[in-house]
Amino acid sequence: MAGKHKITQTKPMFGNARSFSMRATRRKFNPNLQSKSIYVEETGQFVSVRITARELRTIDKIGLPEFLRRQGLSLKALTE
């Protein structure tokens, strides 16, 4: 994944991989991105999005329109 994520601006984190001898080498922790189709009741259509697993749990809990409202986005932003 290059750059920032489209919806919540999540990006990779960087840290150290530690061997048994505690030698540090740099590594990258990528976000857990999933491709999902989410049904939107307002439009009666499915929207295909790439979201993290954490965002998917939040959408399951509060719904897609409320999630987008909290992020300051509209449904049109996903379809572009």
N, C-alpha and C. Protein backbone atom coordinates (compact mmCIF):
# COMPACT_ATOMS: atom_id res chain seq x y z
N MET A 1 0.84 -1.17 0.00
CA MET A 1 0.00 0.00 0.00
C MET A 1 0.89 1.24 0.00
N ALA A 2 0.69 2.09 -0.95
CA ALA A 2 1.48 3.30 -1.04
C ALA A 2 0.65 4.48 -0.57
N GLY A 3 1.26 5.37 0.19
CA GLY A 3 0.56 6.58 0.61
C GLY A 3 -0.46 6.32 1.70
N LYS A 4 -1.46 7.22 1.74
CA LYS A 4 -2.48 7.15 2.78
C LYS A 4 -3.73 6.45 2.28
N HIS A 5 -4.51 5.96 3.20
CA HIS A 5 -5.77 5.31 2.89
C HIS A 5 -6.81 6.37 2.56
N LYS A 6 -7.73 6.04 1.64
CA LYS A 6 -8.67 7.01 1.10
C LYS A 6 -9.67 7.54 2.13
N ILE A 7 -10.19 6.68 2.99
CA ILE A 7 -11.28 7.10 3.87
C ILE A 7 -10.76 7.71 5.16
N THR A 8 -9.95 6.98 5.91
CA THR A 8 -9.54 7.47 7.23
C THR A 8 -8.09 7.91 7.30
N GLN A 9 -7.41 7.98 6.18
CA GLN A 9 -6.03 8.46 6.13
C GLN A 9 -5.07 7.58 6.90
N THR A 10 -5.39 6.28 7.10
CA THR A 10 -4.44 5.39 7.76
C THR A 10 -3.28 5.12 6.83
N LYS A 11 -2.13 4.96 7.40
CA LYS A 11 -0.93 4.72 6.59
C LYS A 11 -0.06 3.71 7.32
N PRO A 12 0.93 3.14 6.64
CA PRO A 12 1.79 2.16 7.29
C PRO A 12 2.57 2.77 8.45
N MET A 13 2.83 1.94 9.46
CA MET A 13 3.68 2.34 10.57
C MET A 13 5.03 1.66 10.39
N PHE A 14 6.06 2.24 10.95
CA PHE A 14 7.40 1.69 10.82
C PHE A 14 7.96 1.38 12.19
N GLY A 15 8.75 0.33 12.26
CA GLY A 15 9.34 -0.07 13.52
C GLY A 15 10.53 -0.97 13.28
N ASN A 16 10.89 -1.73 14.30
CA ASN A 16 12.03 -2.62 14.21
C ASN A 16 11.60 -4.08 14.29
N ALA A 17 12.22 -4.91 13.48
CA ALA A 17 12.11 -6.36 13.61
C ALA A 17 13.28 -6.78 14.49
N ARG A 18 13.00 -7.49 15.56
CA ARG A 18 14.05 -7.88 16.51
C ARG A 18 14.35 -9.36 16.40
N SER A 19 15.61 -9.68 16.20
CA SER A 19 16.03 -11.07 16.16
C SER A 19 16.25 -11.57 17.59
N PHE A 20 16.61 -12.85 17.70
CA PHE A 20 16.87 -13.42 19.03
C PHE A 20 18.01 -12.69 19.73
N SER A 21 18.99 -12.22 18.95
CA SER A 21 20.12 -11.50 19.54
C SER A 21 19.81 -10.02 19.74
N MET A 22 18.55 -9.63 19.50
CA MET A 22 18.05 -8.26 19.66
C MET A 22 18.65 -7.29 18.64
N ARG A 23 19.14 -7.81 17.54
CA ARG A 23 19.59 -6.95 16.45
C ARG A 23 18.35 -6.34 15.80
N ALA A 24 18.38 -5.04 15.55
CA ALA A 24 17.21 -4.34 15.01
C ALA A 24 17.37 -4.10 13.51
N THR A 25 16.38 -4.48 12.77
CA THR A 25 16.31 -4.13 11.35
C THR A 25 14.96 -3.47 11.11
N ARG A 26 14.94 -2.46 10.27
CA ARG A 26 13.71 -1.69 10.04
C ARG A 26 12.70 -2.53 9.26
N ARG A 27 11.42 -2.36 9.62
CA ARG A 27 10.34 -3.05 8.92
C ARG A 27 9.13 -2.15 8.86
N LYS A 28 8.15 -2.57 8.07
CA LYS A 28 6.94 -1.78 7.88
C LYS A 28 5.72 -2.59 8.31
N PHE A 29 4.83 -1.98 9.07
CA PHE A 29 3.57 -2.59 9.48
C PHE A 29 2.47 -2.00 8.62
N ASN A 30 1.97 -2.79 7.65
CA ASN A 30 0.91 -2.31 6.78
C ASN A 30 -0.45 -2.45 7.44
N PRO A 31 -1.39 -1.53 7.14
CA PRO A 31 -2.75 -1.67 7.67
C PRO A 31 -3.43 -2.90 7.07
N ASN A 32 -4.37 -3.47 7.81
CA ASN A 32 -5.07 -4.68 7.40
C ASN A 32 -6.21 -4.31 6.45
N LEU A 33 -5.88 -4.03 5.18
CA LEU A 33 -6.88 -3.59 4.21
C LEU A 33 -7.65 -4.78 3.64
N GLN A 34 -8.95 -4.59 3.52
CA GLN A 34 -9.85 -5.60 2.96
C GLN A 34 -10.69 -4.95 1.86
N SER A 35 -10.98 -5.70 0.81
CA SER A 35 -11.90 -5.23 -0.23
C SER A 35 -13.28 -5.78 0.08
N LYS A 36 -14.24 -4.89 0.27
CA LYS A 36 -15.59 -5.30 0.64
C LYS A 36 -16.62 -4.55 -0.19
N SER A 37 -17.75 -5.19 -0.41
CA SER A 37 -18.92 -4.54 -0.99
C SER A 37 -19.92 -4.36 0.13
N ILE A 38 -20.30 -3.12 0.39
CA ILE A 38 -21.21 -2.80 1.48
C ILE A 38 -22.51 -2.29 0.89
N TYR A 39 -23.64 -2.83 1.39
CA TYR A 39 -24.96 -2.42 0.91
C TYR A 39 -25.37 -1.13 1.59
N VAL A 40 -25.81 -0.16 0.79
CA VAL A 40 -26.26 1.13 1.31
C VAL A 40 -27.77 1.19 1.11
N GLU A 41 -28.51 1.25 2.23
CA GLU A 41 -29.97 1.22 2.16
C GLU A 41 -30.55 2.45 1.49
N GLU A 42 -29.91 3.62 1.67
CA GLU A 42 -30.44 4.86 1.11
C GLU A 42 -30.51 4.82 -0.41
N THR A 43 -29.50 4.23 -1.05
CA THR A 43 -29.47 4.17 -2.51
C THR A 43 -29.93 2.83 -3.05
N GLY A 44 -29.95 1.81 -2.21
CA GLY A 44 -30.34 0.48 -2.66
C GLY A 44 -29.29 -0.19 -3.50
N GLN A 45 -28.03 0.19 -3.32
CA GLN A 45 -26.93 -0.35 -4.13
C GLN A 45 -25.79 -0.81 -3.22
N PHE A 46 -24.91 -1.60 -3.81
CA PHE A 46 -23.69 -2.00 -3.13
C PHE A 46 -22.58 -1.03 -3.52
N VAL A 47 -21.73 -0.70 -2.55
CA VAL A 47 -20.58 0.17 -2.77
C VAL A 47 -19.34 -0.65 -2.49
N SER A 48 -18.41 -0.69 -3.43
CA SER A 48 -17.17 -1.43 -3.26
C SER A 48 -16.12 -0.50 -2.66
N VAL A 49 -15.55 -0.90 -1.51
CA VAL A 49 -14.57 -0.07 -0.82
C VAL A 49 -13.40 -0.92 -0.34
N ARG A 50 -12.25 -0.28 -0.15
CA ARG A 50 -11.10 -0.91 0.50
C ARG A 50 -10.97 -0.25 1.85
N ILE A 51 -11.24 -1.01 2.90
CA ILE A 51 -11.23 -0.49 4.25
C ILE A 51 -10.42 -1.41 5.15
N THR A 52 -10.00 -0.90 6.27
CA THR A 52 -9.27 -1.73 7.22
C THR A 52 -10.26 -2.58 8.00
N ALA A 53 -9.77 -3.62 8.62
CA ALA A 53 -10.62 -4.51 9.42
C ALA A 53 -11.24 -3.75 10.59
N ARG A 54 -10.51 -2.82 11.15
CA ARG A 54 -11.03 -2.02 12.26
C ARG A 54 -12.20 -1.14 11.81
N GLU A 55 -12.06 -0.53 10.62
CA GLU A 55 -13.15 0.29 10.07
C GLU A 55 -14.37 -0.57 9.76
N LEU A 56 -14.14 -1.78 9.29
CA LEU A 56 -15.25 -2.67 8.97
C LEU A 56 -16.06 -3.01 10.23
N ARG A 57 -15.38 -3.23 11.34
CA ARG A 57 -16.08 -3.49 12.59
C ARG A 57 -16.90 -2.27 13.02
N THR A 58 -16.35 -1.08 12.82
CA THR A 58 -17.06 0.14 13.18
C THR A 58 -18.29 0.32 12.29
N ILE A 59 -18.15 0.05 11.00
CA ILE A 59 -19.27 0.16 10.07
C ILE A 59 -20.35 -0.85 10.42
N ASP A 60 -19.97 -2.05 10.82
CA ASP A 60 -20.96 -3.05 11.24
C ASP A 60 -21.73 -2.57 12.47
N LYS A 61 -21.06 -1.82 13.33
CA LYS A 61 -21.67 -1.38 14.57
C LYS A 61 -22.59 -0.17 14.38
N ILE A 62 -22.11 0.87 13.66
CA ILE A 62 -22.88 2.11 13.57
C ILE A 62 -23.49 2.36 12.20
N GLY A 63 -23.10 1.62 11.18
CA GLY A 63 -23.63 1.81 9.84
C GLY A 63 -22.73 2.71 9.00
N LEU A 64 -22.82 2.53 7.69
CA LEU A 64 -21.96 3.27 6.78
C LEU A 64 -22.26 4.77 6.76
N PRO A 65 -23.53 5.20 6.69
CA PRO A 65 -23.78 6.66 6.65
C PRO A 65 -23.25 7.39 7.89
N GLU A 66 -23.44 6.81 9.06
CA GLU A 66 -22.94 7.44 10.30
C GLU A 66 -21.42 7.44 10.33
N PHE A 67 -20.80 6.36 9.87
CA PHE A 67 -19.34 6.29 9.82
C PHE A 67 -18.78 7.38 8.91
N LEU A 68 -19.38 7.55 7.73
CA LEU A 68 -18.91 8.58 6.81
C LEU A 68 -19.14 9.98 7.36
N ARG A 69 -20.26 10.17 8.08
CA ARG A 69 -20.54 11.48 8.67
C ARG A 69 -19.48 11.82 9.71
N ARG A 70 -19.06 10.85 10.52
CA ARG A 70 -18.03 11.08 11.53
C ARG A 70 -16.68 11.37 10.89
N GLN A 71 -16.44 10.82 9.70
CA GLN A 71 -15.18 11.06 9.00
C GLN A 71 -15.21 12.35 8.20
N GLY A 72 -16.39 12.97 8.10
CA GLY A 72 -16.52 14.20 7.32
C GLY A 72 -16.59 13.96 5.83
N LEU A 73 -17.06 12.78 5.44
CA LEU A 73 -17.16 12.44 4.01
C LEU A 73 -18.62 12.20 3.63
N SER A 74 -18.86 12.18 2.33
CA SER A 74 -20.19 11.86 1.84
C SER A 74 -20.12 10.53 1.09
N LEU A 75 -21.28 9.99 0.77
CA LEU A 75 -21.33 8.73 0.04
C LEU A 75 -20.76 8.88 -1.37
N LYS A 76 -20.86 10.11 -1.91
CA LYS A 76 -20.30 10.39 -3.23
C LYS A 76 -18.78 10.22 -3.24
N ALA A 77 -18.14 10.50 -2.13
CA ALA A 77 -16.68 10.39 -2.05
C ALA A 77 -16.22 8.96 -2.24
N LEU A 78 -17.05 7.98 -1.86
CA LEU A 78 -16.68 6.57 -2.03
C LEU A 78 -16.83 6.12 -3.47
N THR A 79 -17.80 6.67 -4.18
CA THR A 79 -18.06 6.20 -5.54
C THR A 79 -17.10 6.81 -6.56
N GLU A 80 -16.35 7.84 -6.17
CA GLU A 80 -15.41 8.47 -7.11
C GLU A 80 -14.16 7.66 -7.27
